[in-house]
Amino acid sequence: MLARDEFVARFGGIFEHSPWVAERAFDATPDISLTSDGVHEALVAPFRAASQAERLAVLQAHPDLAGKLAIAGGLTEDSRAEQAGAGLDRLSATEHARFTGLNTAYTEKFGFPFIIAVKGLNKDDILAAFESRIDNSLEEEFETASAQVEKIALLRLRSLLPGEDNA
């Protein structure tokens, strides 16, 4: 069993730059099962219960894929590793220009960056998703991006903790 400050220190970054998710999760359920599934379930509850503005802030905390932060080395370690795993750190100039154009168009339309759980995907998969999702409505895309944030959180937790079967 972890104390609140230990829990927040360990899991406060699972939802990008949003430690309030871990704080609220612990406050609601201090006896959280320290498995990837248990912590994920605990973290997702306050994210889903949060106000639209709070959820939007979580979406806005995510970096652009292959964007300026990646080039400048300003990504969180998790984001850097995730983007590198999908090959986004090895784009050609043409590919980078395509990502930049899509990032700009997407953010202008929706008010938050394009978010996708990149694990297991390559740059072509990501571009295809980008191009299909940019035609979504704001409501549709807000929910899709939120679901992707939850999926990213689960993938991050699975790299840190055992699953239910391994606890």
N, C-alpha and C. Protein backbone atom coordinates (compact mmCIF):
# COMPACT_ATOMS: atom_id res chain seq x y z
N MET A 1 0.85 -1.18 0.00
CA MET A 1 0.00 0.00 0.00
C MET A 1 0.90 1.24 0.00
N LEU A 2 0.61 2.15 -0.89
CA LEU A 2 1.37 3.39 -0.98
C LEU A 2 0.64 4.52 -0.25
N ALA A 3 1.42 5.43 0.32
CA ALA A 3 0.84 6.66 0.87
C ALA A 3 0.44 7.54 -0.31
N ARG A 4 -0.41 8.53 -0.05
CA ARG A 4 -0.92 9.40 -1.11
C ARG A 4 0.22 10.06 -1.89
N ASP A 5 1.20 10.65 -1.18
CA ASP A 5 2.28 11.35 -1.89
C ASP A 5 3.12 10.39 -2.72
N GLU A 6 3.30 9.16 -2.24
CA GLU A 6 4.03 8.16 -3.02
C GLU A 6 3.24 7.76 -4.27
N PHE A 7 1.94 7.59 -4.10
CA PHE A 7 1.09 7.21 -5.23
C PHE A 7 1.12 8.30 -6.30
N VAL A 8 0.98 9.55 -5.88
CA VAL A 8 0.98 10.66 -6.83
C VAL A 8 2.35 10.81 -7.48
N ALA A 9 3.41 10.62 -6.71
CA ALA A 9 4.76 10.71 -7.30
C ALA A 9 4.97 9.62 -8.34
N ARG A 10 4.45 8.45 -8.07
CA ARG A 10 4.65 7.31 -9.00
C ARG A 10 3.73 7.37 -10.21
N PHE A 11 2.49 7.82 -10.02
CA PHE A 11 1.50 7.73 -11.11
C PHE A 11 0.97 9.09 -11.58
N GLY A 12 1.47 10.17 -11.03
CA GLY A 12 0.99 11.49 -11.40
C GLY A 12 1.26 11.90 -12.84
N GLY A 13 2.23 11.27 -13.47
CA GLY A 13 2.54 11.59 -14.86
C GLY A 13 1.92 10.66 -15.88
N ILE A 14 1.17 9.69 -15.43
CA ILE A 14 0.55 8.73 -16.37
C ILE A 14 -0.40 9.46 -17.32
N PHE A 15 -1.20 10.37 -16.79
CA PHE A 15 -2.00 11.26 -17.63
C PHE A 15 -1.14 12.51 -17.80
N GLU A 16 -0.69 12.75 -18.99
CA GLU A 16 0.32 13.77 -19.34
C GLU A 16 0.18 15.07 -18.56
N HIS A 17 1.19 15.38 -17.75
CA HIS A 17 1.25 16.64 -17.00
C HIS A 17 -0.02 16.93 -16.21
N SER A 18 -0.66 15.89 -15.69
CA SER A 18 -1.94 16.06 -14.98
C SER A 18 -1.97 15.25 -13.69
N PRO A 19 -1.15 15.63 -12.70
CA PRO A 19 -1.12 14.85 -11.45
C PRO A 19 -2.43 14.86 -10.68
N TRP A 20 -3.32 15.81 -11.00
CA TRP A 20 -4.61 15.86 -10.31
C TRP A 20 -5.40 14.57 -10.53
N VAL A 21 -5.17 13.88 -11.64
CA VAL A 21 -5.88 12.63 -11.90
C VAL A 21 -5.49 11.60 -10.83
N ALA A 22 -4.19 11.47 -10.58
CA ALA A 22 -3.72 10.52 -9.56
C ALA A 22 -4.15 10.96 -8.16
N GLU A 23 -4.15 12.26 -7.90
CA GLU A 23 -4.59 12.75 -6.58
C GLU A 23 -6.04 12.38 -6.33
N ARG A 24 -6.89 12.64 -7.29
CA ARG A 24 -8.32 12.32 -7.12
C ARG A 24 -8.55 10.81 -7.06
N ALA A 25 -7.78 10.06 -7.84
CA ALA A 25 -7.93 8.60 -7.81
C ALA A 25 -7.62 8.07 -6.42
N PHE A 26 -6.53 8.52 -5.84
CA PHE A 26 -6.15 8.06 -4.51
C PHE A 26 -7.16 8.50 -3.47
N ASP A 27 -7.62 9.74 -3.57
CA ASP A 27 -8.58 10.25 -2.59
C ASP A 27 -9.89 9.46 -2.63
N ALA A 28 -10.29 9.02 -3.81
CA ALA A 28 -11.54 8.26 -3.96
C ALA A 28 -11.37 6.81 -3.55
N THR A 29 -10.19 6.25 -3.79
CA THR A 29 -9.95 4.82 -3.55
C THR A 29 -8.53 4.61 -3.05
N PRO A 30 -8.27 4.88 -1.76
CA PRO A 30 -6.90 4.76 -1.27
C PRO A 30 -6.34 3.34 -1.25
N ASP A 31 -7.19 2.33 -1.35
CA ASP A 31 -6.72 0.94 -1.34
C ASP A 31 -6.66 0.37 -2.77
N ILE A 32 -6.13 1.14 -3.68
CA ILE A 32 -6.04 0.76 -5.10
C ILE A 32 -5.14 -0.46 -5.26
N SER A 33 -5.61 -1.41 -6.04
CA SER A 33 -4.80 -2.57 -6.39
C SER A 33 -3.65 -2.11 -7.26
N LEU A 34 -2.41 -2.38 -6.82
CA LEU A 34 -1.24 -1.90 -7.56
C LEU A 34 -0.86 -2.83 -8.71
N THR A 35 -1.86 -3.08 -9.55
CA THR A 35 -1.64 -3.77 -10.81
C THR A 35 -1.93 -2.76 -11.91
N SER A 36 -1.49 -3.05 -13.11
CA SER A 36 -1.76 -2.10 -14.20
C SER A 36 -3.25 -1.87 -14.37
N ASP A 37 -4.03 -2.93 -14.29
CA ASP A 37 -5.48 -2.79 -14.46
C ASP A 37 -6.12 -2.06 -13.28
N GLY A 38 -5.66 -2.35 -12.06
CA GLY A 38 -6.22 -1.70 -10.88
C GLY A 38 -5.95 -0.21 -10.86
N VAL A 39 -4.71 0.17 -11.14
CA VAL A 39 -4.36 1.60 -11.15
C VAL A 39 -5.06 2.30 -12.31
N HIS A 40 -5.13 1.62 -13.46
CA HIS A 40 -5.80 2.23 -14.61
C HIS A 40 -7.26 2.51 -14.29
N GLU A 41 -7.93 1.54 -13.72
CA GLU A 41 -9.35 1.71 -13.36
C GLU A 41 -9.51 2.89 -12.39
N ALA A 42 -8.60 2.99 -11.43
CA ALA A 42 -8.67 4.08 -10.46
C ALA A 42 -8.41 5.43 -11.11
N LEU A 43 -7.48 5.50 -12.05
CA LEU A 43 -7.15 6.77 -12.70
C LEU A 43 -8.21 7.21 -13.69
N VAL A 44 -8.78 6.26 -14.39
CA VAL A 44 -9.78 6.59 -15.42
C VAL A 44 -11.04 7.19 -14.79
N ALA A 45 -11.41 6.73 -13.61
CA ALA A 45 -12.64 7.22 -12.98
C ALA A 45 -12.65 8.74 -12.80
N PRO A 46 -11.62 9.34 -12.19
CA PRO A 46 -11.68 10.81 -12.05
C PRO A 46 -11.50 11.54 -13.38
N PHE A 47 -10.79 10.94 -14.32
CA PHE A 47 -10.66 11.57 -15.64
C PHE A 47 -12.03 11.65 -16.30
N ARG A 48 -12.78 10.57 -16.26
CA ARG A 48 -14.12 10.57 -16.87
C ARG A 48 -15.09 11.47 -16.12
N ALA A 49 -14.92 11.58 -14.80
CA ALA A 49 -15.83 12.40 -13.99
C ALA A 49 -15.46 13.88 -14.02
N ALA A 50 -14.31 14.20 -14.56
CA ALA A 50 -13.84 15.58 -14.57
C ALA A 50 -14.72 16.45 -15.48
N SER A 51 -14.62 17.74 -15.26
CA SER A 51 -15.35 18.67 -16.10
C SER A 51 -14.79 18.64 -17.52
N GLN A 52 -15.57 19.13 -18.44
CA GLN A 52 -15.13 19.24 -19.84
C GLN A 52 -13.83 20.04 -19.91
N ALA A 53 -13.74 21.12 -19.16
CA ALA A 53 -12.55 21.98 -19.17
C ALA A 53 -11.32 21.23 -18.64
N GLU A 54 -11.51 20.44 -17.59
CA GLU A 54 -10.39 19.67 -17.04
C GLU A 54 -9.91 18.61 -18.02
N ARG A 55 -10.86 17.92 -18.64
CA ARG A 55 -10.48 16.90 -19.63
C ARG A 55 -9.80 17.55 -20.82
N LEU A 56 -10.29 18.71 -21.24
CA LEU A 56 -9.66 19.44 -22.33
C LEU A 56 -8.22 19.80 -21.97
N ALA A 57 -7.99 20.22 -20.74
CA ALA A 57 -6.63 20.56 -20.30
C ALA A 57 -5.71 19.35 -20.39
N VAL A 58 -6.21 18.15 -20.09
CA VAL A 58 -5.40 16.94 -20.23
C VAL A 58 -5.07 16.71 -21.71
N LEU A 59 -6.07 16.87 -22.57
CA LEU A 59 -5.81 16.71 -24.00
C LEU A 59 -4.78 17.73 -24.47
N GLN A 60 -4.93 18.96 -24.03
CA GLN A 60 -4.01 20.02 -24.45
C GLN A 60 -2.60 19.84 -23.90
N ALA A 61 -2.45 19.05 -22.85
CA ALA A 61 -1.12 18.80 -22.27
C ALA A 61 -0.30 17.84 -23.12
N HIS A 62 -0.94 17.14 -24.03
CA HIS A 62 -0.23 16.20 -24.89
C HIS A 62 0.54 16.96 -25.98
N PRO A 63 1.71 16.45 -26.33
CA PRO A 63 2.50 17.11 -27.38
C PRO A 63 2.00 16.73 -28.77
N ASP A 64 2.32 17.59 -29.73
CA ASP A 64 2.09 17.22 -31.14
C ASP A 64 2.95 16.02 -31.47
N LEU A 65 2.46 15.16 -32.33
CA LEU A 65 3.28 14.05 -32.81
C LEU A 65 4.33 14.59 -33.77
N ALA A 66 5.58 14.26 -33.51
CA ALA A 66 6.71 14.70 -34.33
C ALA A 66 6.75 16.21 -34.44
N GLY A 67 6.33 16.90 -33.39
CA GLY A 67 6.26 18.35 -33.40
C GLY A 67 7.49 19.03 -32.83
N LYS A 68 7.33 20.32 -32.53
CA LYS A 68 8.44 21.16 -32.07
C LYS A 68 9.07 20.64 -30.79
N LEU A 69 8.26 20.16 -29.85
CA LEU A 69 8.82 19.65 -28.60
C LEU A 69 9.71 18.44 -28.85
N ALA A 70 9.31 17.58 -29.79
CA ALA A 70 10.13 16.41 -30.11
C ALA A 70 11.47 16.84 -30.68
N ILE A 71 11.44 17.80 -31.57
CA ILE A 71 12.67 18.28 -32.19
C ILE A 71 13.58 18.94 -31.16
N ALA A 72 13.00 19.70 -30.26
CA ALA A 72 13.77 20.42 -29.25
C ALA A 72 14.15 19.55 -28.06
N GLY A 73 13.67 18.30 -28.03
CA GLY A 73 13.97 17.42 -26.91
C GLY A 73 13.15 17.73 -25.68
N GLY A 74 11.99 18.34 -25.85
CA GLY A 74 11.18 18.77 -24.72
C GLY A 74 10.04 17.84 -24.34
N LEU A 75 10.01 16.63 -24.87
CA LEU A 75 8.95 15.68 -24.53
C LEU A 75 9.21 15.03 -23.19
N THR A 76 8.15 14.56 -22.54
CA THR A 76 8.36 13.72 -21.36
C THR A 76 9.05 12.45 -21.84
N GLU A 77 9.69 11.75 -20.93
CA GLU A 77 10.39 10.52 -21.31
C GLU A 77 9.43 9.51 -21.93
N ASP A 78 8.22 9.40 -21.35
CA ASP A 78 7.22 8.48 -21.90
C ASP A 78 6.86 8.86 -23.33
N SER A 79 6.57 10.14 -23.57
CA SER A 79 6.18 10.57 -24.91
C SER A 79 7.32 10.38 -25.91
N ARG A 80 8.54 10.69 -25.48
CA ARG A 80 9.69 10.51 -26.37
C ARG A 80 9.84 9.05 -26.78
N ALA A 81 9.78 8.16 -25.82
CA ALA A 81 9.93 6.73 -26.11
C ALA A 81 8.79 6.23 -26.99
N GLU A 82 7.57 6.68 -26.71
CA GLU A 82 6.42 6.24 -27.51
C GLU A 82 6.55 6.71 -28.96
N GLN A 83 6.91 7.97 -29.16
CA GLN A 83 7.05 8.48 -30.52
C GLN A 83 8.22 7.82 -31.25
N ALA A 84 9.32 7.60 -30.54
CA ALA A 84 10.47 6.93 -31.16
C ALA A 84 10.10 5.51 -31.55
N GLY A 85 9.34 4.82 -30.72
CA GLY A 85 8.93 3.45 -31.02
C GLY A 85 8.11 3.35 -32.30
N ALA A 86 7.42 4.42 -32.65
CA ALA A 86 6.62 4.44 -33.88
C ALA A 86 7.41 5.01 -35.06
N GLY A 87 8.68 5.34 -34.83
CA GLY A 87 9.52 5.86 -35.90
C GLY A 87 9.33 7.34 -36.17
N LEU A 88 8.66 8.05 -35.29
CA LEU A 88 8.40 9.47 -35.53
C LEU A 88 9.64 10.33 -35.33
N ASP A 89 10.69 9.75 -34.76
CA ASP A 89 11.95 10.48 -34.61
C ASP A 89 12.86 10.30 -35.84
N ARG A 90 12.37 9.57 -36.83
CA ARG A 90 13.17 9.29 -38.03
C ARG A 90 12.41 9.63 -39.32
N LEU A 91 11.63 10.71 -39.28
CA LEU A 91 10.85 11.11 -40.45
C LEU A 91 11.73 11.83 -41.47
N SER A 92 11.42 11.64 -42.74
CA SER A 92 12.07 12.42 -43.78
C SER A 92 11.54 13.85 -43.70
N ALA A 93 12.17 14.76 -44.41
CA ALA A 93 11.71 16.16 -44.43
C ALA A 93 10.28 16.25 -44.96
N THR A 94 9.96 15.46 -45.97
CA THR A 94 8.62 15.46 -46.55
C THR A 94 7.60 14.93 -45.54
N GLU A 95 7.94 13.84 -44.87
CA GLU A 95 7.04 13.27 -43.87
C GLU A 95 6.85 14.24 -42.71
N HIS A 96 7.93 14.86 -42.29
CA HIS A 96 7.83 15.81 -41.18
C HIS A 96 6.92 16.98 -41.57
N ALA A 97 7.04 17.45 -42.80
CA ALA A 97 6.18 18.55 -43.28
C ALA A 97 4.72 18.11 -43.28
N ARG A 98 4.46 16.86 -43.64
CA ARG A 98 3.08 16.35 -43.64
C ARG A 98 2.52 16.31 -42.22
N PHE A 99 3.31 15.81 -41.27
CA PHE A 99 2.88 15.78 -39.87
C PHE A 99 2.64 17.20 -39.35
N THR A 100 3.54 18.11 -39.68
CA THR A 100 3.40 19.49 -39.22
C THR A 100 2.11 20.11 -39.76
N GLY A 101 1.82 19.90 -41.03
CA GLY A 101 0.60 20.43 -41.63
C GLY A 101 -0.65 19.84 -40.99
N LEU A 102 -0.63 18.53 -40.77
CA LEU A 102 -1.78 17.88 -40.13
C LEU A 102 -1.94 18.33 -38.68
N ASN A 103 -0.81 18.44 -37.96
CA ASN A 103 -0.87 18.92 -36.57
C ASN A 103 -1.51 20.29 -36.51
N THR A 104 -1.09 21.18 -37.38
CA THR A 104 -1.62 22.54 -37.39
C THR A 104 -3.11 22.56 -37.71
N ALA A 105 -3.49 21.85 -38.76
CA ALA A 105 -4.91 21.83 -39.16
C ALA A 105 -5.77 21.21 -38.06
N TYR A 106 -5.30 20.13 -37.48
CA TYR A 106 -6.05 19.44 -36.44
C TYR A 106 -6.24 20.33 -35.21
N THR A 107 -5.14 20.93 -34.74
CA THR A 107 -5.21 21.76 -33.55
C THR A 107 -6.07 23.00 -33.78
N GLU A 108 -5.99 23.58 -34.97
CA GLU A 108 -6.85 24.73 -35.28
C GLU A 108 -8.32 24.33 -35.27
N LYS A 109 -8.62 23.14 -35.75
CA LYS A 109 -10.02 22.70 -35.82
C LYS A 109 -10.56 22.31 -34.44
N PHE A 110 -9.76 21.58 -33.65
CA PHE A 110 -10.28 20.99 -32.41
C PHE A 110 -9.84 21.69 -31.12
N GLY A 111 -8.75 22.43 -31.17
CA GLY A 111 -8.28 23.12 -29.97
C GLY A 111 -7.40 22.28 -29.06
N PHE A 112 -6.98 21.12 -29.53
CA PHE A 112 -6.05 20.24 -28.81
C PHE A 112 -5.30 19.42 -29.85
N PRO A 113 -4.13 18.89 -29.49
CA PRO A 113 -3.34 18.14 -30.46
C PRO A 113 -3.94 16.77 -30.77
N PHE A 114 -3.57 16.24 -31.91
CA PHE A 114 -3.97 14.90 -32.29
C PHE A 114 -3.33 13.92 -31.31
N ILE A 115 -4.15 13.05 -30.75
CA ILE A 115 -3.67 12.09 -29.75
C ILE A 115 -4.02 10.69 -30.23
N ILE A 116 -3.00 9.85 -30.24
CA ILE A 116 -3.21 8.44 -30.58
C ILE A 116 -2.17 7.62 -29.82
N ALA A 117 -2.59 6.47 -29.33
CA ALA A 117 -1.66 5.55 -28.69
C ALA A 117 -0.82 4.92 -29.80
N VAL A 118 0.44 5.31 -29.89
CA VAL A 118 1.27 4.94 -31.04
C VAL A 118 1.90 3.56 -30.91
N LYS A 119 1.84 2.95 -29.74
CA LYS A 119 2.48 1.64 -29.57
C LYS A 119 1.88 0.64 -30.56
N GLY A 120 2.76 -0.01 -31.31
CA GLY A 120 2.34 -1.00 -32.29
C GLY A 120 1.98 -0.39 -33.64
N LEU A 121 2.04 0.94 -33.75
CA LEU A 121 1.74 1.61 -35.01
C LEU A 121 3.02 2.13 -35.63
N ASN A 122 2.96 2.36 -36.94
CA ASN A 122 4.09 3.01 -37.61
C ASN A 122 3.60 4.34 -38.16
N LYS A 123 4.50 5.10 -38.77
CA LYS A 123 4.14 6.44 -39.24
C LYS A 123 3.01 6.42 -40.25
N ASP A 124 2.95 5.39 -41.08
CA ASP A 124 1.88 5.31 -42.07
C ASP A 124 0.52 5.06 -41.40
N ASP A 125 0.50 4.20 -40.39
CA ASP A 125 -0.73 3.96 -39.62
C ASP A 125 -1.21 5.25 -38.96
N ILE A 126 -0.27 5.98 -38.40
CA ILE A 126 -0.61 7.21 -37.69
C ILE A 126 -1.12 8.27 -38.67
N LEU A 127 -0.46 8.40 -39.81
CA LEU A 127 -0.92 9.36 -40.82
C LEU A 127 -2.33 9.01 -41.31
N ALA A 128 -2.59 7.73 -41.51
CA ALA A 128 -3.93 7.31 -41.96
C ALA A 128 -4.99 7.67 -40.92
N ALA A 129 -4.67 7.45 -39.64
CA ALA A 129 -5.62 7.80 -38.57
C ALA A 129 -5.81 9.31 -38.50
N PHE A 130 -4.72 10.03 -38.63
CA PHE A 130 -4.76 11.50 -38.64
C PHE A 130 -5.72 11.98 -39.72
N GLU A 131 -5.52 11.48 -40.92
CA GLU A 131 -6.30 11.93 -42.08
C GLU A 131 -7.77 11.55 -41.96
N SER A 132 -8.07 10.41 -41.36
CA SER A 132 -9.48 10.04 -41.22
C SER A 132 -10.14 10.78 -40.06
N ARG A 133 -9.44 10.99 -38.97
CA ARG A 133 -10.04 11.63 -37.80
C ARG A 133 -10.22 13.13 -37.95
N ILE A 134 -9.48 13.76 -38.83
CA ILE A 134 -9.58 15.21 -38.96
C ILE A 134 -10.96 15.64 -39.49
N ASP A 135 -11.69 14.70 -40.06
CA ASP A 135 -13.04 14.99 -40.55
C ASP A 135 -14.12 14.78 -39.49
N ASN A 136 -13.75 14.32 -38.30
CA ASN A 136 -14.72 14.11 -37.22
C ASN A 136 -15.29 15.44 -36.74
N SER A 137 -16.43 15.36 -36.06
CA SER A 137 -16.97 16.54 -35.37
C SER A 137 -16.15 16.76 -34.11
N LEU A 138 -16.27 17.93 -33.51
CA LEU A 138 -15.56 18.23 -32.27
C LEU A 138 -15.96 17.24 -31.18
N GLU A 139 -17.25 16.96 -31.04
CA GLU A 139 -17.72 16.05 -30.00
C GLU A 139 -17.14 14.65 -30.20
N GLU A 140 -17.19 14.18 -31.44
CA GLU A 140 -16.64 12.86 -31.77
C GLU A 140 -15.15 12.80 -31.47
N GLU A 141 -14.44 13.82 -31.86
CA GLU A 141 -13.00 13.80 -31.69
C GLU A 141 -12.58 13.99 -30.25
N PHE A 142 -13.34 14.76 -29.50
CA PHE A 142 -13.06 14.92 -28.07
C PHE A 142 -13.15 13.55 -27.39
N GLU A 143 -14.19 12.79 -27.71
CA GLU A 143 -14.35 11.45 -27.12
C GLU A 143 -13.28 10.48 -27.62
N THR A 144 -12.95 10.56 -28.90
CA THR A 144 -11.90 9.68 -29.45
C THR A 144 -10.56 10.00 -28.80
N ALA A 145 -10.22 11.27 -28.71
CA ALA A 145 -8.95 11.66 -28.10
C ALA A 145 -8.92 11.26 -26.63
N SER A 146 -10.03 11.42 -25.92
CA SER A 146 -10.09 11.01 -24.51
C SER A 146 -9.88 9.51 -24.37
N ALA A 147 -10.48 8.73 -25.24
CA ALA A 147 -10.29 7.28 -25.22
C ALA A 147 -8.83 6.92 -25.50
N GLN A 148 -8.20 7.66 -26.39
CA GLN A 148 -6.78 7.42 -26.69
C GLN A 148 -5.91 7.77 -25.49
N VAL A 149 -6.24 8.83 -24.76
CA VAL A 149 -5.51 9.19 -23.55
C VAL A 149 -5.60 8.04 -22.54
N GLU A 150 -6.79 7.47 -22.39
CA GLU A 150 -6.97 6.35 -21.47
C GLU A 150 -6.15 5.14 -21.93
N LYS A 151 -6.10 4.89 -23.23
CA LYS A 151 -5.32 3.77 -23.76
C LYS A 151 -3.83 4.00 -23.53
N ILE A 152 -3.36 5.22 -23.75
CA ILE A 152 -1.96 5.56 -23.50
C ILE A 152 -1.64 5.31 -22.03
N ALA A 153 -2.54 5.72 -21.14
CA ALA A 153 -2.33 5.51 -19.70
C ALA A 153 -2.18 4.03 -19.38
N LEU A 154 -3.04 3.21 -19.96
CA LEU A 154 -2.96 1.77 -19.71
C LEU A 154 -1.64 1.20 -20.22
N LEU A 155 -1.23 1.60 -21.40
CA LEU A 155 0.05 1.11 -21.94
C LEU A 155 1.22 1.54 -21.06
N ARG A 156 1.18 2.76 -20.57
CA ARG A 156 2.24 3.23 -19.67
C ARG A 156 2.24 2.43 -18.38
N LEU A 157 1.06 2.17 -17.84
CA LEU A 157 0.98 1.39 -16.59
C LEU A 157 1.45 -0.04 -16.80
N ARG A 158 1.13 -0.62 -17.94
CA ARG A 158 1.56 -2.01 -18.21
C ARG A 158 3.07 -2.11 -18.30
N SER A 159 3.74 -1.01 -18.66
CA SER A 159 5.20 -1.06 -18.69
C SER A 159 5.80 -0.90 -17.28
N LEU A 160 4.99 -0.41 -16.33
CA LEU A 160 5.45 -0.18 -14.96
C LEU A 160 5.05 -1.27 -13.97
N LEU A 161 3.87 -1.86 -14.20
CA LEU A 161 3.26 -2.74 -13.21
C LEU A 161 2.82 -4.06 -13.83
N PRO A 162 2.70 -5.09 -12.99
CA PRO A 162 2.14 -6.34 -13.51
C PRO A 162 0.66 -6.20 -13.79
N GLY A 163 0.14 -7.06 -14.63
CA GLY A 163 -1.30 -7.11 -14.88
C GLY A 163 -1.97 -7.91 -13.78
N GLU A 164 -3.28 -8.05 -13.88
CA GLU A 164 -4.04 -8.81 -12.87
C GLU A 164 -3.53 -10.24 -12.75
N ASP A 165 -3.15 -10.85 -13.88
CA ASP A 165 -2.71 -12.23 -13.87
C ASP A 165 -1.33 -12.39 -13.23
N ASN A 166 -0.56 -11.30 -13.18
CA ASN A 166 0.81 -11.39 -12.68
C ASN A 166 0.98 -10.79 -11.29
N ALA A 167 -0.10 -10.33 -10.69
CA ALA A 167 0.02 -9.64 -9.39
C ALA A 167 0.41 -10.61 -8.30
